[in-house]
Amino acid sequence: MKKTISRPAKLARELEEQAGAERKTLSGVVPEALWKARRGRLRKQFRQLQNYWSQKAKVRGILSERDLERYLNQ
């Protein structure tokens, strides 16, 4: 799907330089950058969820897989 985007002149120059350095087109550089940004957001969300549930487990004394199995089989 074709879309038109606006970007500041400085960012446009940086994208063009990056595309040239990587021997890619802007159409190749922009989606890759968007995917990397999305992947970064998902990693951050995962770490936040992991931290949240780790804290919940610690409160219940679940510190190992064995502890978790015992807790689930109660």
PDB file of N, CA and C in Angstrom:
ATOM      1  N   MET A   1       0.839  -1.164   0.000  1.00  0.00           N
ATOM      2  CA  MET A   1       0.000   0.000   0.000  1.00  0.00           C
ATOM      3  C   MET A   1       0.892   1.238   0.000  1.00  0.00           C
ATOM      4  N   LYS A   2       0.594   2.164  -0.848  1.00  0.00           N
ATOM      5  CA  LYS A   2       1.361   3.400  -0.918  1.00  0.00           C
ATOM      6  C   LYS A   2       0.767   4.418   0.035  1.00  0.00           C
ATOM      7  N   LYS A   3       1.654   5.083   0.772  1.00  0.00           N
ATOM      8  CA  LYS A   3       1.252   6.165   1.664  1.00  0.00           C
ATOM      9  C   LYS A   3       2.261   7.291   1.513  1.00  0.00           C
ATOM     10  N   THR A   4       1.812   8.487   1.756  1.00  0.00           N
ATOM     11  CA  THR A   4       2.693   9.642   1.735  1.00  0.00           C
ATOM     12  C   THR A   4       2.874  10.102   3.172  1.00  0.00           C
ATOM     13  N   ILE A   5       4.125  10.359   3.555  1.00  0.00           N
ATOM     14  CA  ILE A   5       4.379  10.857   4.900  1.00  0.00           C
ATOM     15  C   ILE A   5       5.157  12.155   4.819  1.00  0.00           C
ATOM     16  N   SER A   6       4.953  12.995   5.804  1.00  0.00           N
ATOM     17  CA  SER A   6       5.723  14.237   5.909  1.00  0.00           C
ATOM     18  C   SER A   6       6.754  14.038   6.997  1.00  0.00           C
ATOM     19  N   ARG A   7       7.917  14.626   6.823  1.00  0.00           N
ATOM     20  CA  ARG A   7       8.962  14.540   7.832  1.00  0.00           C
ATOM     21  C   ARG A   7       9.789  15.807   7.765  1.00  0.00           C
ATOM     22  N   PRO A   8      10.385  16.185   8.897  1.00  0.00           N
ATOM     23  CA  PRO A   8      11.241  17.379   8.890  1.00  0.00           C
ATOM     24  C   PRO A   8      12.409  17.200   7.918  1.00  0.00           C
ATOM     25  N   ALA A   9      12.890  18.308   7.400  1.00  0.00           N
ATOM     26  CA  ALA A   9      13.967  18.262   6.397  1.00  0.00           C
ATOM     27  C   ALA A   9      15.200  17.538   6.932  1.00  0.00           C
ATOM     28  N   LYS A  10      15.557  17.785   8.196  1.00  0.00           N
ATOM     29  CA  LYS A  10      16.745  17.148   8.763  1.00  0.00           C
ATOM     30  C   LYS A  10      16.577  15.625   8.791  1.00  0.00           C
ATOM     31  N   LEU A  11      15.394  15.159   9.201  1.00  0.00           N
ATOM     32  CA  LEU A  11      15.144  13.717   9.232  1.00  0.00           C
ATOM     33  C   LEU A  11      15.157  13.143   7.821  1.00  0.00           C
ATOM     34  N   ALA A  12      14.598  13.878   6.875  1.00  0.00           N
ATOM     35  CA  ALA A  12      14.595  13.417   5.478  1.00  0.00           C
ATOM     36  C   ALA A  12      16.023  13.222   4.976  1.00  0.00           C
ATOM     37  N   ARG A  13      16.906  14.190   5.278  1.00  0.00           N
ATOM     38  CA  ARG A  13      18.302  14.059   4.858  1.00  0.00           C
ATOM     39  C   ARG A  13      18.964  12.857   5.519  1.00  0.00           C
ATOM     40  N   GLU A  14      18.707  12.678   6.817  1.00  0.00           N
ATOM     41  CA  GLU A  14      19.300  11.539   7.531  1.00  0.00           C
ATOM     42  C   GLU A  14      18.820  10.209   6.944  1.00  0.00           C
ATOM     43  N   LEU A  15      17.534  10.141   6.623  1.00  0.00           N
ATOM     44  CA  LEU A  15      17.001   8.906   6.028  1.00  0.00           C
ATOM     45  C   LEU A  15      17.627   8.647   4.657  1.00  0.00           C
ATOM     46  N   GLU A  16      17.776   9.696   3.868  1.00  0.00           N
ATOM     47  CA  GLU A  16      18.389   9.536   2.549  1.00  0.00           C
ATOM     48  C   GLU A  16      19.842   9.104   2.673  1.00  0.00           C
ATOM     49  N   GLU A  17      20.562   9.675   3.654  1.00  0.00           N
ATOM     50  CA  GLU A  17      21.952   9.270   3.874  1.00  0.00           C
ATOM     51  C   GLU A  17      22.032   7.809   4.319  1.00  0.00           C
ATOM     52  N   GLN A  18      21.130   7.430   5.213  1.00  0.00           N
ATOM     53  CA  GLN A  18      21.116   6.051   5.680  1.00  0.00           C
ATOM     54  C   GLN A  18      20.802   5.102   4.538  1.00  0.00           C
ATOM     55  N   ALA A  19      19.822   5.451   3.733  1.00  0.00           N
ATOM     56  CA  ALA A  19      19.463   4.608   2.598  1.00  0.00           C
ATOM     57  C   ALA A  19      20.658   4.445   1.660  1.00  0.00           C
ATOM     58  N   GLY A  20      21.364   5.540   1.387  1.00  0.00           N
ATOM     59  CA  GLY A  20      22.529   5.470   0.518  1.00  0.00           C
ATOM     60  C   GLY A  20      23.628   4.602   1.104  1.00  0.00           C
ATOM     61  N   ALA A  21      23.871   4.775   2.405  1.00  0.00           N
ATOM     62  CA  ALA A  21      24.931   4.008   3.067  1.00  0.00           C
ATOM     63  C   ALA A  21      24.615   2.511   3.067  1.00  0.00           C
ATOM     64  N   GLU A  22      23.326   2.172   3.179  1.00  0.00           N
ATOM     65  CA  GLU A  22      22.921   0.767   3.211  1.00  0.00           C
ATOM     66  C   GLU A  22      22.553   0.233   1.830  1.00  0.00           C
ATOM     67  N   ARG A  23      22.706   1.105   0.829  1.00  0.00           N
ATOM     68  CA  ARG A  23      22.352   0.757  -0.555  1.00  0.00           C
ATOM     69  C   ARG A  23      20.914   0.259  -0.652  1.00  0.00           C
ATOM     70  N   LYS A  24      20.032   1.021  -0.019  1.00  0.00           N
ATOM     71  CA  LYS A  24      18.603   0.724  -0.032  1.00  0.00           C
ATOM     72  C   LYS A  24      17.859   1.959  -0.503  1.00  0.00           C
ATOM     73  N   THR A  25      16.597   1.768  -0.799  1.00  0.00           N
ATOM     74  CA  THR A  25      15.738   2.902  -1.128  1.00  0.00           C
ATOM     75  C   THR A  25      15.091   3.395   0.158  1.00  0.00           C
ATOM     76  N   LEU A  26      14.501   4.584   0.095  1.00  0.00           N
ATOM     77  CA  LEU A  26      13.748   5.081   1.248  1.00  0.00           C
ATOM     78  C   LEU A  26      12.610   4.123   1.584  1.00  0.00           C
ATOM     79  N   SER A  27      12.042   3.532   0.540  1.00  0.00           N
ATOM     80  CA  SER A  27      10.957   2.568   0.756  1.00  0.00           C
ATOM     81  C   SER A  27      11.439   1.330   1.494  1.00  0.00           C
ATOM     82  N   GLY A  28      12.727   1.091   1.491  1.00  0.00           N
ATOM     83  CA  GLY A  28      13.270  -0.038   2.232  1.00  0.00           C
ATOM     84  C   GLY A  28      13.702   0.338   3.640  1.00  0.00           C
ATOM     85  N   VAL A  29      14.174   1.579   3.797  1.00  0.00           N
ATOM     86  CA  VAL A  29      14.686   2.026   5.096  1.00  0.00           C
ATOM     87  C   VAL A  29      13.547   2.352   6.066  1.00  0.00           C
ATOM     88  N   VAL A  30      12.530   3.036   5.602  1.00  0.00           N
ATOM     89  CA  VAL A  30      11.462   3.493   6.498  1.00  0.00           C
ATOM     90  C   VAL A  30      10.712   2.327   7.146  1.00  0.00           C
ATOM     91  N   PRO A  31      10.239   1.336   6.398  1.00  0.00           N
ATOM     92  CA  PRO A  31       9.535   0.228   7.060  1.00  0.00           C
ATOM     93  C   PRO A  31      10.421  -0.520   8.055  1.00  0.00           C
ATOM     94  N   GLU A  32      11.692  -0.674   7.717  1.00  0.00           N
ATOM     95  CA  GLU A  32      12.615  -1.357   8.624  1.00  0.00           C
ATOM     96  C   GLU A  32      12.736  -0.580   9.944  1.00  0.00           C
ATOM     97  N   ALA A  33      12.823   0.734   9.843  1.00  0.00           N
ATOM     98  CA  ALA A  33      12.916   1.570  11.046  1.00  0.00           C
ATOM     99  C   ALA A  33      11.637   1.459  11.872  1.00  0.00           C
ATOM    100  N   LEU A  34      10.506   1.422  11.204  1.00  0.00           N
ATOM    101  CA  LEU A  34       9.233   1.293  11.920  1.00  0.00           C
ATOM    102  C   LEU A  34       9.131  -0.062  12.621  1.00  0.00           C
ATOM    103  N   TRP A  35       9.577  -1.125  11.956  1.00  0.00           N
ATOM    104  CA  TRP A  35       9.557  -2.452  12.579  1.00  0.00           C
ATOM    105  C   TRP A  35      10.481  -2.505  13.785  1.00  0.00           C
ATOM    106  N   LYS A  36      11.649  -1.883  13.679  1.00  0.00           N
ATOM    107  CA  LYS A  36      12.579  -1.859  14.810  1.00  0.00           C
ATOM    108  C   LYS A  36      11.978  -1.104  15.989  1.00  0.00           C
ATOM    109  N   ALA A  37      11.319   0.006  15.711  1.00  0.00           N
ATOM    110  CA  ALA A  37      10.675   0.776  16.777  1.00  0.00           C
ATOM    111  C   ALA A  37       9.571  -0.040  17.433  1.00  0.00           C
ATOM    112  N   ARG A  38       8.789  -0.731  16.617  1.00  0.00           N
ATOM    113  CA  ARG A  38       7.706  -1.574  17.149  1.00  0.00           C
ATOM    114  C   ARG A  38       8.284  -2.696  18.012  1.00  0.00           C
ATOM    115  N   ARG A  39       9.339  -3.326  17.536  1.00  0.00           N
ATOM    116  CA  ARG A  39       9.978  -4.403  18.288  1.00  0.00           C
ATOM    117  C   ARG A  39      10.490  -3.886  19.636  1.00  0.00           C
ATOM    118  N   GLY A  40      11.044  -2.684  19.631  1.00  0.00           N
ATOM    119  CA  GLY A  40      11.517  -2.072  20.872  1.00  0.00           C
ATOM    120  C   GLY A  40      10.380  -1.832  21.857  1.00  0.00           C
ATOM    121  N   ARG A  41       9.238  -1.342  21.342  1.00  0.00           N
ATOM    122  CA  ARG A  41       8.075  -1.126  22.216  1.00  0.00           C
ATOM    123  C   ARG A  41       7.571  -2.432  22.791  1.00  0.00           C
ATOM    124  N   LEU A  42       7.527  -3.483  21.970  1.00  0.00           N
ATOM    125  CA  LEU A  42       7.056  -4.788  22.443  1.00  0.00           C
ATOM    126  C   LEU A  42       8.002  -5.367  23.491  1.00  0.00           C
ATOM    127  N   ARG A  43       9.299  -5.207  23.294  1.00  0.00           N
ATOM    128  CA  ARG A  43      10.270  -5.681  24.292  1.00  0.00           C
ATOM    129  C   ARG A  43      10.070  -4.960  25.623  1.00  0.00           C
ATOM    130  N   LYS A  44       9.862  -3.656  25.551  1.00  0.00           N
ATOM    131  CA  LYS A  44       9.644  -2.870  26.765  1.00  0.00           C
ATOM    132  C   LYS A  44       8.380  -3.340  27.479  1.00  0.00           C
ATOM    133  N   GLN A  45       7.304  -3.549  26.734  1.00  0.00           N
ATOM    134  CA  GLN A  45       6.056  -4.039  27.328  1.00  0.00           C
ATOM    135  C   GLN A  45       6.263  -5.408  27.960  1.00  0.00           C
ATOM    136  N   PHE A  46       7.005  -6.277  27.280  1.00  0.00           N
ATOM    137  CA  PHE A  46       7.269  -7.609  27.811  1.00  0.00           C
ATOM    138  C   PHE A  46       8.026  -7.521  29.131  1.00  0.00           C
ATOM    139  N   ARG A  47       9.055  -6.686  29.163  1.00  0.00           N
ATOM    140  CA  ARG A  47       9.837  -6.535  30.403  1.00  0.00           C
ATOM    141  C   ARG A  47       8.977  -5.992  31.536  1.00  0.00           C
ATOM    142  N   GLN A  48       8.084  -5.058  31.227  1.00  0.00           N
ATOM    143  CA  GLN A  48       7.198  -4.517  32.253  1.00  0.00           C
ATOM    144  C   GLN A  48       6.259  -5.603  32.790  1.00  0.00           C
ATOM    145  N   LEU A  49       5.695  -6.402  31.902  1.00  0.00           N
ATOM    146  CA  LEU A  49       4.818  -7.502  32.333  1.00  0.00           C
ATOM    147  C   LEU A  49       5.591  -8.534  33.135  1.00  0.00           C
ATOM    148  N   GLN A  50       6.778  -8.846  32.673  1.00  0.00           N
ATOM    149  CA  GLN A  50       7.607  -9.825  33.363  1.00  0.00           C
ATOM    150  C   GLN A  50       7.930  -9.335  34.780  1.00  0.00           C
ATOM    151  N   ASN A  51       8.271  -8.077  34.909  1.00  0.00           N
ATOM    152  CA  ASN A  51       8.573  -7.499  36.212  1.00  0.00           C
ATOM    153  C   ASN A  51       7.339  -7.514  37.118  1.00  0.00           C
ATOM    154  N   TYR A  52       6.198  -7.155  36.557  1.00  0.00           N
ATOM    155  CA  TYR A  52       4.954  -7.140  37.322  1.00  0.00           C
ATOM    156  C   TYR A  52       4.654  -8.520  37.911  1.00  0.00           C
ATOM    157  N   TRP A  53       4.693  -9.543  37.059  1.00  0.00           N
ATOM    158  CA  TRP A  53       4.356 -10.892  37.525  1.00  0.00           C
ATOM    159  C   TRP A  53       5.445 -11.476  38.413  1.00  0.00           C
ATOM    160  N   SER A  54       6.683 -11.085  38.204  1.00  0.00           N
ATOM    161  CA  SER A  54       7.764 -11.538  39.088  1.00  0.00           C
ATOM    162  C   SER A  54       7.540 -11.004  40.496  1.00  0.00           C
ATOM    163  N   GLN A  55       7.136  -9.750  40.600  1.00  0.00           N
ATOM    164  CA  GLN A  55       6.861  -9.160  41.905  1.00  0.00           C
ATOM    165  C   GLN A  55       5.678  -9.857  42.577  1.00  0.00           C
ATOM    166  N   LYS A  56       4.637 -10.147  41.808  1.00  0.00           N
ATOM    167  CA  LYS A  56       3.473 -10.860  42.352  1.00  0.00           C
ATOM    168  C   LYS A  56       3.885 -12.238  42.867  1.00  0.00           C
ATOM    169  N   ALA A  57       4.741 -12.930  42.134  1.00  0.00           N
ATOM    170  CA  ALA A  57       5.190 -14.267  42.525  1.00  0.00           C
ATOM    171  C   ALA A  57       6.023 -14.186  43.802  1.00  0.00           C
ATOM    172  N   LYS A  58       6.912 -13.214  43.885  1.00  0.00           N
ATOM    173  CA  LYS A  58       7.756 -13.074  45.076  1.00  0.00           C
ATOM    174  C   LYS A  58       6.913 -12.863  46.320  1.00  0.00           C
ATOM    175  N   VAL A  59       5.858 -12.074  46.214  1.00  0.00           N
ATOM    176  CA  VAL A  59       4.973 -11.826  47.351  1.00  0.00           C
ATOM    177  C   VAL A  59       4.365 -13.135  47.851  1.00  0.00           C
ATOM    178  N   ARG A  60       4.120 -14.071  46.927  1.00  0.00           N
ATOM    179  CA  ARG A  60       3.525 -15.356  47.292  1.00  0.00           C
ATOM    180  C   ARG A  60       4.593 -16.416  47.595  1.00  0.00           C
ATOM    181  N   GLY A  61       5.848 -16.007  47.599  1.00  0.00           N
ATOM    182  CA  GLY A  61       6.926 -16.935  47.917  1.00  0.00           C
ATOM    183  C   GLY A  61       7.310 -17.855  46.783  1.00  0.00           C
ATOM    184  N   ILE A  62       6.950 -17.484  45.578  1.00  0.00           N
ATOM    185  CA  ILE A  62       7.282 -18.292  44.399  1.00  0.00           C
ATOM    186  C   ILE A  62       8.586 -17.763  43.823  1.00  0.00           C
ATOM    187  N   LEU A  63       9.663 -18.500  44.089  1.00  0.00           N
ATOM    188  CA  LEU A  63      10.984 -18.050  43.652  1.00  0.00           C
ATOM    189  C   LEU A  63      11.636 -19.000  42.650  1.00  0.00           C
ATOM    190  N   SER A  64      11.023 -20.163  42.420  1.00  0.00           N
ATOM    191  CA  SER A  64      11.589 -21.135  41.484  1.00  0.00           C
ATOM    192  C   SER A  64      10.441 -21.842  40.769  1.00  0.00           C
ATOM    193  N   GLU A  65      10.795 -22.634  39.764  1.00  0.00           N
ATOM    194  CA  GLU A  65       9.769 -23.400  39.053  1.00  0.00           C
ATOM    195  C   GLU A  65       9.116 -24.409  39.990  1.00  0.00           C
ATOM    196  N   ARG A  66       9.911 -24.981  40.880  1.00  0.00           N
ATOM    197  CA  ARG A  66       9.377 -25.941  41.853  1.00  0.00           C
ATOM    198  C   ARG A  66       8.335 -25.250  42.754  1.00  0.00           C
ATOM    199  N   ASP A  67       8.654 -24.033  43.204  1.00  0.00           N
ATOM    200  CA  ASP A  67       7.688 -23.265  43.994  1.00  0.00           C
ATOM    201  C   ASP A  67       6.407 -23.013  43.206  1.00  0.00           C
ATOM    202  N   LEU A  68       6.545 -22.702  41.948  1.00  0.00           N
ATOM    203  CA  LEU A  68       5.390 -22.443  41.099  1.00  0.00           C
ATOM    204  C   LEU A  68       4.545 -23.705  40.954  1.00  0.00           C
ATOM    205  N   GLU A  69       5.180 -24.841  40.723  1.00  0.00           N
ATOM    206  CA  GLU A  69       4.433 -26.098  40.599  1.00  0.00           C
ATOM    207  C   GLU A  69       3.657 -26.388  41.876  1.00  0.00           C
ATOM    208  N   ARG A  70       4.304 -26.214  43.041  1.00  0.00           N
ATOM    209  CA  ARG A  70       3.623 -26.436  44.312  1.00  0.00           C
ATOM    210  C   ARG A  70       2.431 -25.482  44.466  1.00  0.00           C
ATOM    211  N   TYR A  71       2.636 -24.219  44.096  1.00  0.00           N
ATOM    212  CA  TYR A  71       1.576 -23.242  44.214  1.00  0.00           C
ATOM    213  C   TYR A  71       0.389 -23.601  43.314  1.00  0.00           C
ATOM    214  N   LEU A  72       0.671 -24.031  42.090  1.00  0.00           N
ATOM    215  CA  LEU A  72      -0.396 -24.377  41.138  1.00  0.00           C
ATOM    216  C   LEU A  72      -1.120 -25.657  41.520  1.00  0.00           C
ATOM    217  N   ASN A  73      -0.467 -26.551  42.232  1.00  0.00           N
ATOM    218  CA  ASN A  73      -1.088 -27.829  42.599  1.00  0.00           C
ATOM    219  C   ASN A  73      -1.800 -27.788  43.948  1.00  0.00           C
ATOM    220  N   GLN A  74      -1.867 -26.639  44.573  1.00  0.00           N
ATOM    221  CA  GLN A  74      -2.559 -26.528  45.856  1.00  0.00           C
ATOM    222  C   GLN A  74      -4.045 -26.651  45.687  1.00  0.00           C
TER     223      GLN A  74
END
